[in-house]
Amino acid sequence: MKDLGSRLKETRKSMGLSQQDFGAIGGVEANAQGKYESGERIPRSDYLAALNQKGIDVLYILSGKKTPMDHESLNDEERRIITHYRELSEDDKEAISQLATSLSECKTPS
């Protein structure tokens, strides 16, 4: 069974981020991020709140349960994209995931 630290690491790696970059999202240094991931320390609420502000699923990190997405919260374009995504092969889904991650990392702040 995965614990909080391993879910943090899993989330960070799925985003393709280093401990330094992921820690920066939460306002901590890489060494603190490493201690969170190893279970040596437990993250503070302000760190978790900062992750949540960036769209990271904090419920999953804390409990192992993914936050359900309300279908009604999606606009027509988002529904269309999801419909097309579900029709793709696993390799194509992985390519789309990598592209979306890359594009989101290049996004300039509003």
Protein backbone atom coordinates (compact mmCIF):
# COMPACT_ATOMS: atom_id res chain seq x y z
CA MET A 1 0.00 0.00 0.00
CA LYS A 2 1.32 3.42 -0.93
CA ASP A 3 1.80 6.06 1.71
CA LEU A 4 1.70 9.84 1.45
CA GLY A 5 5.39 10.09 0.58
CA SER A 6 5.21 7.56 -2.22
CA ARG A 7 2.08 9.24 -3.64
CA LEU A 8 3.89 12.58 -3.58
CA LYS A 9 6.81 11.04 -5.46
CA GLU A 10 4.46 9.34 -7.92
CA THR A 11 2.65 12.62 -8.57
CA ARG A 12 5.91 14.54 -9.01
CA LYS A 13 7.32 11.95 -11.43
CA SER A 14 4.07 11.80 -13.41
CA MET A 15 4.48 15.54 -13.95
CA GLY A 16 8.09 15.06 -15.05
CA LEU A 17 9.42 17.37 -12.34
CA SER A 18 12.54 17.24 -10.20
CA GLN A 19 12.27 17.43 -6.42
CA GLN A 20 13.50 21.01 -6.67
CA ASP A 21 10.83 22.03 -9.20
CA PHE A 22 7.99 20.22 -7.43
CA GLY A 23 9.11 21.54 -4.05
CA ALA A 24 9.12 25.07 -5.46
CA ILE A 25 5.42 24.71 -6.28
CA GLY A 26 4.81 24.03 -2.58
CA GLY A 27 7.28 26.66 -1.43
CA VAL A 28 9.94 24.28 -0.07
CA GLU A 29 13.50 23.37 -0.98
CA ALA A 30 14.45 20.08 -2.68
CA ASN A 31 15.75 18.61 0.59
CA ALA A 32 12.35 19.14 2.26
CA GLN A 33 10.63 17.62 -0.77
CA GLY A 34 12.89 14.60 -0.49
CA LYS A 35 12.07 14.21 3.20
CA TYR A 36 8.34 14.37 2.42
CA GLU A 37 8.74 11.69 -0.23
CA SER A 38 10.80 9.43 2.04
CA GLY A 39 8.37 9.82 4.93
CA GLU A 40 10.91 11.52 7.19
CA ARG A 41 8.68 14.60 7.43
CA ILE A 42 5.00 15.33 6.92
CA PRO A 43 4.11 18.31 4.71
CA ARG A 44 2.46 21.35 6.25
CA SER A 45 -0.94 22.60 5.21
CA ASP A 46 0.45 25.66 3.36
CA TYR A 47 2.54 23.34 1.17
CA LEU A 48 -0.50 21.19 0.36
CA ALA A 49 -2.62 24.28 -0.28
CA ALA A 50 0.00 25.57 -2.75
CA LEU A 51 -0.04 22.22 -4.58
CA ASN A 52 -3.82 22.38 -4.73
CA GLN A 53 -3.66 25.90 -6.20
CA LYS A 54 -1.63 24.45 -9.09
CA GLY A 55 -4.27 21.79 -9.75
CA ILE A 56 -2.45 18.90 -8.08
CA ASP A 57 -4.82 16.33 -6.60
CA VAL A 58 -4.10 16.76 -2.90
CA LEU A 59 -6.92 14.40 -1.93
CA TYR A 60 -5.04 11.65 -3.77
CA ILE A 61 -1.76 12.54 -2.09
CA LEU A 62 -3.36 12.44 1.37
CA SER A 63 -5.74 9.51 1.00
CA GLY A 64 -4.91 7.56 -2.14
CA LYS A 65 -8.38 8.37 -3.53
CA LYS A 66 -8.53 10.46 -6.68
CA THR A 67 -10.72 13.54 -6.60
CA PRO A 68 -13.74 12.80 -8.76
CA MET A 69 -14.29 15.18 -11.63
CA ASP A 70 -17.80 16.45 -12.06
CA HIS A 71 -18.82 15.91 -15.68
CA GLU A 72 -20.91 19.07 -15.48
CA SER A 73 -17.80 21.14 -14.74
CA LEU A 74 -16.43 20.41 -18.24
CA ASN A 75 -17.22 22.72 -21.12
CA ASP A 76 -18.13 21.39 -24.57
CA GLU A 77 -14.54 21.62 -25.86
CA GLU A 78 -13.17 19.69 -22.87
CA ARG A 79 -15.80 16.96 -23.33
CA ARG A 80 -14.92 16.70 -27.02
CA ILE A 81 -11.20 16.37 -26.23
CA ILE A 82 -11.86 13.65 -23.64
CA THR A 83 -14.08 11.76 -26.06
CA HIS A 84 -11.34 11.77 -28.72
CA TYR A 85 -8.66 10.89 -26.15
CA ARG A 86 -10.56 7.79 -25.06
CA GLU A 87 -10.51 6.51 -28.64
CA LEU A 88 -6.69 6.60 -28.84
CA SER A 89 -4.25 3.71 -28.46
CA GLU A 90 -2.24 3.52 -25.21
CA ASP A 91 0.88 4.75 -27.03
CA ASP A 92 -1.00 7.76 -28.41
CA LYS A 93 -2.47 8.51 -24.97
CA GLU A 94 1.07 8.52 -23.54
CA ALA A 95 2.22 10.89 -26.30
CA ILE A 96 -0.71 13.24 -25.60
CA SER A 97 0.08 13.13 -21.87
CA GLN A 98 3.71 14.05 -22.50
CA LEU A 99 2.69 16.84 -24.88
CA ALA A 100 0.17 18.28 -22.40
CA THR A 101 2.77 18.18 -19.62
CA SER A 102 5.34 19.89 -21.81
CA LEU A 103 2.91 22.59 -22.92
CA SER A 104 1.73 23.27 -19.37
CA GLU A 105 5.33 23.67 -18.19
CA CYS A 106 5.96 26.25 -20.95
CA LYS A 107 2.83 28.25 -20.11
CA THR A 108 3.52 31.82 -19.08
CA PRO A 109 1.80 33.02 -15.90
CA SER A 110 -1.33 35.12 -16.38
